[in-house]
Amino acid sequence: KTGKHKTKQWKRLVTKATFVGEGF
């Protein structure tokens, strides 16, 4: 939840293992 009053719910937190490239 984001925004001043925590009303926006468009963000997602990935709860699994991930791989990102070298120059990410």
PDB file of all heavy atoms in Angstrom:
ATOM      1  N   LYS A   1       0.858  -1.200   0.000  1.00  0.00           N
ATOM      2  CA  LYS A   1       0.000   0.000   0.000  1.00  0.00           C
ATOM      3  C   LYS A   1       0.883   1.234   0.000  1.00  0.00           C
ATOM      4  O   LYS A   1       1.827   1.343   0.783  1.00  0.00           O
ATOM      5  CB  LYS A   1      -0.919  -0.006   1.216  1.00  0.00           C
ATOM      6  CG  LYS A   1      -1.953  -1.121   1.164  1.00  0.00           C
ATOM      7  CD  LYS A   1      -2.912  -1.057   2.319  1.00  0.00           C
ATOM      8  CE  LYS A   1      -3.939  -2.169   2.217  1.00  0.00           C
ATOM      9  NZ  LYS A   1      -4.892  -2.126   3.329  1.00  0.00           N
ATOM     10  N   THR A   2       0.566   2.191  -0.897  1.00  0.00           N
ATOM     11  CA  THR A   2       1.369   3.414  -1.012  1.00  0.00           C
ATOM     12  C   THR A   2       0.460   4.638  -0.937  1.00  0.00           C
ATOM     13  O   THR A   2      -0.758   4.524  -0.850  1.00  0.00           O
ATOM     14  CB  THR A   2       2.124   3.428  -2.351  1.00  0.00           C
ATOM     15  OG1 THR A   2       1.200   3.226  -3.416  1.00  0.00           O
ATOM     16  CG2 THR A   2       3.178   2.334  -2.419  1.00  0.00           C
ATOM     17  N   GLY A   3       1.091   5.808  -1.014  1.00  0.00           N
ATOM     18  CA  GLY A   3       0.330   7.057  -0.938  1.00  0.00           C
ATOM     19  C   GLY A   3       0.291   7.580   0.478  1.00  0.00           C
ATOM     20  O   GLY A   3       0.615   6.871   1.439  1.00  0.00           O
ATOM     21  N   LYS A   4      -0.134   8.817   0.612  1.00  0.00           N
ATOM     22  CA  LYS A   4      -0.138   9.497   1.915  1.00  0.00           C
ATOM     23  C   LYS A   4      -1.041   8.771   2.923  1.00  0.00           C
ATOM     24  O   LYS A   4      -0.694   8.603   4.084  1.00  0.00           O
ATOM     25  CB  LYS A   4      -0.622  10.933   1.715  1.00  0.00           C
ATOM     26  CG  LYS A   4      -0.420  11.816   2.933  1.00  0.00           C
ATOM     27  CD  LYS A   4      -0.837  13.239   2.641  1.00  0.00           C
ATOM     28  CE  LYS A   4      -0.673  14.123   3.865  1.00  0.00           C
ATOM     29  NZ  LYS A   4      -1.141  15.485   3.612  1.00  0.00           N
ATOM     30  N   HIS A   5      -2.215   8.337   2.433  1.00  0.00           N
ATOM     31  CA  HIS A   5      -3.170   7.674   3.330  1.00  0.00           C
ATOM     32  C   HIS A   5      -3.193   6.162   3.116  1.00  0.00           C
ATOM     33  O   HIS A   5      -4.142   5.494   3.531  1.00  0.00           O
ATOM     34  CB  HIS A   5      -4.567   8.257   3.110  1.00  0.00           C
ATOM     35  CG  HIS A   5      -4.624   9.724   3.353  1.00  0.00           C
ATOM     36  ND1 HIS A   5      -4.525  10.265   4.615  1.00  0.00           N
ATOM     37  CD2 HIS A   5      -4.726  10.782   2.494  1.00  0.00           C
ATOM     38  CE1 HIS A   5      -4.591  11.589   4.518  1.00  0.00           C
ATOM     39  NE2 HIS A   5      -4.701  11.921   3.246  1.00  0.00           N
ATOM     40  N   LYS A   6      -2.146   5.637   2.413  1.00  0.00           N
ATOM     41  CA  LYS A   6      -2.010   4.197   2.141  1.00  0.00           C
ATOM     42  C   LYS A   6      -3.270   3.614   1.491  1.00  0.00           C
ATOM     43  O   LYS A   6      -3.758   2.551   1.872  1.00  0.00           O
ATOM     44  CB  LYS A   6      -1.691   3.432   3.441  1.00  0.00           C
ATOM     45  CG  LYS A   6      -0.414   3.867   4.118  1.00  0.00           C
ATOM     46  CD  LYS A   6       0.812   3.365   3.374  1.00  0.00           C
ATOM     47  CE  LYS A   6       2.102   3.748   4.045  1.00  0.00           C
ATOM     48  NZ  LYS A   6       2.859   4.765   3.387  1.00  0.00           N
ATOM     49  N   THR A   7      -3.778   4.316   0.511  1.00  0.00           N
ATOM     50  CA  THR A   7      -4.991   3.854  -0.176  1.00  0.00           C
ATOM     51  C   THR A   7      -4.681   3.237  -1.540  1.00  0.00           C
ATOM     52  O   THR A   7      -5.487   2.506  -2.091  1.00  0.00           O
ATOM     53  CB  THR A   7      -5.981   5.026  -0.381  1.00  0.00           C
ATOM     54  OG1 THR A   7      -5.265   6.118  -0.962  1.00  0.00           O
ATOM     55  CG2 THR A   7      -6.610   5.450   0.930  1.00  0.00           C
ATOM     56  N   LYS A   8      -3.501   3.573  -2.086  1.00  0.00           N
ATOM     57  CA  LYS A   8      -3.153   3.044  -3.418  1.00  0.00           C
ATOM     58  C   LYS A   8      -2.575   1.637  -3.265  1.00  0.00           C
ATOM     59  O   LYS A   8      -1.735   1.403  -2.404  1.00  0.00           O
ATOM     60  CB  LYS A   8      -2.138   3.964  -4.109  1.00  0.00           C
ATOM     61  CG  LYS A   8      -2.723   5.327  -4.409  1.00  0.00           C
ATOM     62  CD  LYS A   8      -1.677   6.269  -4.932  1.00  0.00           C
ATOM     63  CE  LYS A   8      -2.265   7.652  -5.148  1.00  0.00           C
ATOM     64  NZ  LYS A   8      -1.246   8.608  -5.544  1.00  0.00           N
ATOM     65  N   GLN A   9      -3.028   0.715  -4.122  1.00  0.00           N
ATOM     66  CA  GLN A   9      -2.604  -0.679  -3.992  1.00  0.00           C
ATOM     67  C   GLN A   9      -2.134  -1.246  -5.321  1.00  0.00           C
ATOM     68  O   GLN A   9      -2.443  -2.376  -5.665  1.00  0.00           O
ATOM     69  CB  GLN A   9      -3.761  -1.527  -3.453  1.00  0.00           C
ATOM     70  CG  GLN A   9      -4.254  -1.073  -2.105  1.00  0.00           C
ATOM     71  CD  GLN A   9      -5.334  -1.982  -1.561  1.00  0.00           C
ATOM     72  OE1 GLN A   9      -5.641  -3.010  -2.127  1.00  0.00           O
ATOM     73  NE2 GLN A   9      -5.919  -1.592  -0.444  1.00  0.00           N
ATOM     74  N   TRP A  10      -1.326  -0.487  -6.059  1.00  0.00           N
ATOM     75  CA  TRP A  10      -0.893  -0.951  -7.386  1.00  0.00           C
ATOM     76  C   TRP A  10       0.492  -1.590  -7.362  1.00  0.00           C
ATOM     77  O   TRP A  10       0.897  -2.240  -8.303  1.00  0.00           O
ATOM     78  CB  TRP A  10      -0.900   0.189  -8.403  1.00  0.00           C
ATOM     79  CG  TRP A  10      -0.059   1.362  -8.030  1.00  0.00           C
ATOM     80  CD1 TRP A  10      -0.444   2.415  -7.260  1.00  0.00           C
ATOM     81  CD2 TRP A  10       1.300   1.617  -8.394  1.00  0.00           C
ATOM     82  NE1 TRP A  10       0.600   3.306  -7.104  1.00  0.00           N
ATOM     83  CE2 TRP A  10       1.680   2.847  -7.809  1.00  0.00           C
ATOM     84  CE3 TRP A  10       2.233   0.941  -9.169  1.00  0.00           C
ATOM     85  CZ2 TRP A  10       2.950   3.389  -7.966  1.00  0.00           C
ATOM     86  CZ3 TRP A  10       3.499   1.478  -9.326  1.00  0.00           C
ATOM     87  CH2 TRP A  10       3.845   2.692  -8.732  1.00  0.00           C
ATOM     88  N   LYS A  11       1.209  -1.425  -6.250  1.00  0.00           N
ATOM     89  CA  LYS A  11       2.549  -2.019  -6.164  1.00  0.00           C
ATOM     90  C   LYS A  11       2.482  -3.466  -5.673  1.00  0.00           C
ATOM     91  O   LYS A  11       1.605  -3.803  -4.885  1.00  0.00           O
ATOM     92  CB  LYS A  11       3.426  -1.211  -5.200  1.00  0.00           C
ATOM     93  CG  LYS A  11       4.107  -0.038  -5.844  1.00  0.00           C
ATOM     94  CD  LYS A  11       5.239   0.450  -4.995  1.00  0.00           C
ATOM     95  CE  LYS A  11       5.923   1.629  -5.662  1.00  0.00           C
ATOM     96  NZ  LYS A  11       7.197   1.950  -5.088  1.00  0.00           N
ATOM     97  N   ARG A  12       3.452  -4.269  -6.159  1.00  0.00           N
ATOM     98  CA  ARG A  12       3.518  -5.665  -5.736  1.00  0.00           C
ATOM     99  C   ARG A  12       4.936  -6.002  -5.288  1.00  0.00           C
ATOM    100  O   ARG A  12       5.900  -5.654  -5.981  1.00  0.00           O
ATOM    101  CB  ARG A  12       3.132  -6.599  -6.886  1.00  0.00           C
ATOM    102  CG  ARG A  12       1.700  -6.439  -7.370  1.00  0.00           C
ATOM    103  CD  ARG A  12       0.706  -7.021  -6.383  1.00  0.00           C
ATOM    104  NE  ARG A  12      -0.669  -6.852  -6.830  1.00  0.00           N
ATOM    105  CZ  ARG A  12      -1.427  -5.783  -6.581  1.00  0.00           C
ATOM    106  NH1 ARG A  12      -0.912  -4.765  -5.912  1.00  0.00           N
ATOM    107  NH2 ARG A  12      -2.675  -5.732  -6.994  1.00  0.00           N
ATOM    108  N   LEU A  13       5.054  -6.698  -4.158  1.00  0.00           N
ATOM    109  CA  LEU A  13       6.346  -7.145  -3.637  1.00  0.00           C
ATOM    110  C   LEU A  13       6.481  -8.625  -3.971  1.00  0.00           C
ATOM    111  O   LEU A  13       5.633  -9.427  -3.582  1.00  0.00           O
ATOM    112  CB  LEU A  13       6.425  -6.927  -2.120  1.00  0.00           C
ATOM    113  CG  LEU A  13       7.756  -7.286  -1.456  1.00  0.00           C
ATOM    114  CD1 LEU A  13       8.790  -6.201  -1.714  1.00  0.00           C
ATOM    115  CD2 LEU A  13       7.564  -7.473   0.037  1.00  0.00           C
ATOM    116  N   VAL A  14       7.528  -8.991  -4.707  1.00  0.00           N
ATOM    117  CA  VAL A  14       7.745 -10.388  -5.092  1.00  0.00           C
ATOM    118  C   VAL A  14       8.268 -11.152  -3.880  1.00  0.00           C
ATOM    119  O   VAL A  14       9.280 -10.774  -3.285  1.00  0.00           O
ATOM    120  CB  VAL A  14       8.746 -10.490  -6.272  1.00  0.00           C
ATOM    121  CG1 VAL A  14       8.945 -11.946  -6.675  1.00  0.00           C
ATOM    122  CG2 VAL A  14       8.248  -9.685  -7.458  1.00  0.00           C
ATOM    123  N   THR A  15       7.571 -12.240  -3.507  1.00  0.00           N
ATOM    124  CA  THR A  15       7.937 -12.991  -2.292  1.00  0.00           C
ATOM    125  C   THR A  15       8.781 -14.228  -2.610  1.00  0.00           C
ATOM    126  O   THR A  15       9.106 -14.992  -1.715  1.00  0.00           O
ATOM    127  CB  THR A  15       6.669 -13.435  -1.543  1.00  0.00           C
ATOM    128  OG1 THR A  15       5.880 -14.238  -2.424  1.00  0.00           O
ATOM    129  CG2 THR A  15       5.871 -12.246  -1.067  1.00  0.00           C
ATOM    130  N   LYS A  16       9.104 -14.443  -3.884  1.00  0.00           N
ATOM    131  CA  LYS A  16       9.891 -15.617  -4.277  1.00  0.00           C
ATOM    132  C   LYS A  16      11.310 -15.199  -4.679  1.00  0.00           C
ATOM    133  O   LYS A  16      11.576 -14.019  -4.891  1.00  0.00           O
ATOM    134  CB  LYS A  16       9.227 -16.341  -5.458  1.00  0.00           C
ATOM    135  CG  LYS A  16       7.797 -16.775  -5.187  1.00  0.00           C
ATOM    136  CD  LYS A  16       7.739 -17.931  -4.236  1.00  0.00           C
ATOM    137  CE  LYS A  16       6.308 -18.301  -3.891  1.00  0.00           C
ATOM    138  NZ  LYS A  16       6.197 -19.252  -2.813  1.00  0.00           N
ATOM    139  N   ALA A  17      12.181 -16.183  -4.849  1.00  0.00           N
ATOM    140  CA  ALA A  17      13.560 -15.916  -5.277  1.00  0.00           C
ATOM    141  C   ALA A  17      13.554 -15.360  -6.696  1.00  0.00           C
ATOM    142  O   ALA A  17      12.734 -15.769  -7.523  1.00  0.00           O
ATOM    143  CB  ALA A  17      14.366 -17.208  -5.240  1.00  0.00           C
ATOM    144  N   THR A  18      14.443 -14.424  -6.975  1.00  0.00           N
ATOM    145  CA  THR A  18      14.487 -13.793  -8.305  1.00  0.00           C
ATOM    146  C   THR A  18      15.924 -13.706  -8.814  1.00  0.00           C
ATOM    147  O   THR A  18      16.873 -13.836  -8.043  1.00  0.00           O
ATOM    148  CB  THR A  18      13.906 -12.363  -8.273  1.00  0.00           C
ATOM    149  OG1 THR A  18      14.581 -11.610  -7.266  1.00  0.00           O
ATOM    150  CG2 THR A  18      12.422 -12.351  -8.018  1.00  0.00           C
ATOM    151  N   PHE A  19      16.030 -13.482 -10.118  1.00  0.00           N
ATOM    152  CA  PHE A  19      17.341 -13.222 -10.718  1.00  0.00           C
ATOM    153  C   PHE A  19      17.229 -11.958 -11.549  1.00  0.00           C
ATOM    154  O   PHE A  19      16.302 -11.803 -12.346  1.00  0.00           O
ATOM    155  CB  PHE A  19      17.778 -14.377 -11.625  1.00  0.00           C
ATOM    156  CG  PHE A  19      18.978 -14.029 -12.478  1.00  0.00           C
ATOM    157  CD1 PHE A  19      20.254 -14.018 -11.938  1.00  0.00           C
ATOM    158  CD2 PHE A  19      18.814 -13.660 -13.807  1.00  0.00           C
ATOM    159  CE1 PHE A  19      21.351 -13.668 -12.711  1.00  0.00           C
ATOM    160  CE2 PHE A  19      19.910 -13.310 -14.590  1.00  0.00           C
ATOM    161  CZ  PHE A  19      21.180 -13.320 -14.040  1.00  0.00           C
ATOM    162  N   VAL A  20      18.150 -11.012 -11.330  1.00  0.00           N
ATOM    163  CA  VAL A  20      18.209  -9.804 -12.162  1.00  0.00           C
ATOM    164  C   VAL A  20      19.603  -9.738 -12.792  1.00  0.00           C
ATOM    165  O   VAL A  20      20.567 -10.260 -12.232  1.00  0.00           O
ATOM    166  CB  VAL A  20      17.902  -8.518 -11.364  1.00  0.00           C
ATOM    167  CG1 VAL A  20      16.482  -8.499 -10.878  1.00  0.00           C
ATOM    168  CG2 VAL A  20      18.861  -8.348 -10.205  1.00  0.00           C
ATOM    169  N   GLY A  21      19.698  -9.137 -13.960  1.00  0.00           N
ATOM    170  CA  GLY A  21      20.970  -9.089 -14.700  1.00  0.00           C
ATOM    171  C   GLY A  21      22.070  -8.338 -13.985  1.00  0.00           C
ATOM    172  O   GLY A  21      21.852  -7.711 -12.940  1.00  0.00           O
ATOM    173  N   GLU A  22      23.247  -8.371 -14.567  1.00  0.00           N
ATOM    174  CA  GLU A  22      24.444  -7.770 -13.968  1.00  0.00           C
ATOM    175  C   GLU A  22      24.304  -6.259 -13.821  1.00  0.00           C
ATOM    176  O   GLU A  22      24.556  -5.701 -12.764  1.00  0.00           O
ATOM    177  CB  GLU A  22      25.665  -8.119 -14.832  1.00  0.00           C
ATOM    178  CG  GLU A  22      27.002  -7.884 -14.155  1.00  0.00           C
ATOM    179  CD  GLU A  22      27.225  -8.754 -12.932  1.00  0.00           C
ATOM    180  OE1 GLU A  22      26.981  -9.969 -13.000  1.00  0.00           O
ATOM    181  OE2 GLU A  22      27.645  -8.192 -11.907  1.00  0.00           O
ATOM    182  N   GLY A  23      23.904  -5.596 -14.896  1.00  0.00           N
ATOM    183  CA  GLY A  23      23.832  -4.129 -14.847  1.00  0.00           C
ATOM    184  C   GLY A  23      22.441  -3.611 -14.527  1.00  0.00           C
ATOM    185  O   GLY A  23      21.996  -2.588 -15.047  1.00  0.00           O
ATOM    186  N   PHE A  24      21.716  -4.307 -13.649  1.00  0.00           N
ATOM    187  CA  PHE A  24      20.322  -3.945 -13.333  1.00  0.00           C
ATOM    188  C   PHE A  24      20.261  -2.719 -12.440  1.00  0.00           C
ATOM    189  O   PHE A  24      20.980  -2.622 -11.449  1.00  0.00           O
ATOM    190  CB  PHE A  24      19.628  -5.129 -12.653  1.00  0.00           C
ATOM    191  CG  PHE A  24      18.248  -4.808 -12.143  1.00  0.00           C
ATOM    192  CD1 PHE A  24      17.191  -4.663 -13.015  1.00  0.00           C
ATOM    193  CD2 PHE A  24      18.011  -4.640 -10.787  1.00  0.00           C
ATOM    194  CE1 PHE A  24      15.915  -4.371 -12.546  1.00  0.00           C
ATOM    195  CE2 PHE A  24      16.752  -4.344 -10.302  1.00  0.00           C
ATOM    196  CZ  PHE A  24      15.696  -4.211 -11.189  1.00  0.00           C
TER     197      PHE A  24
END
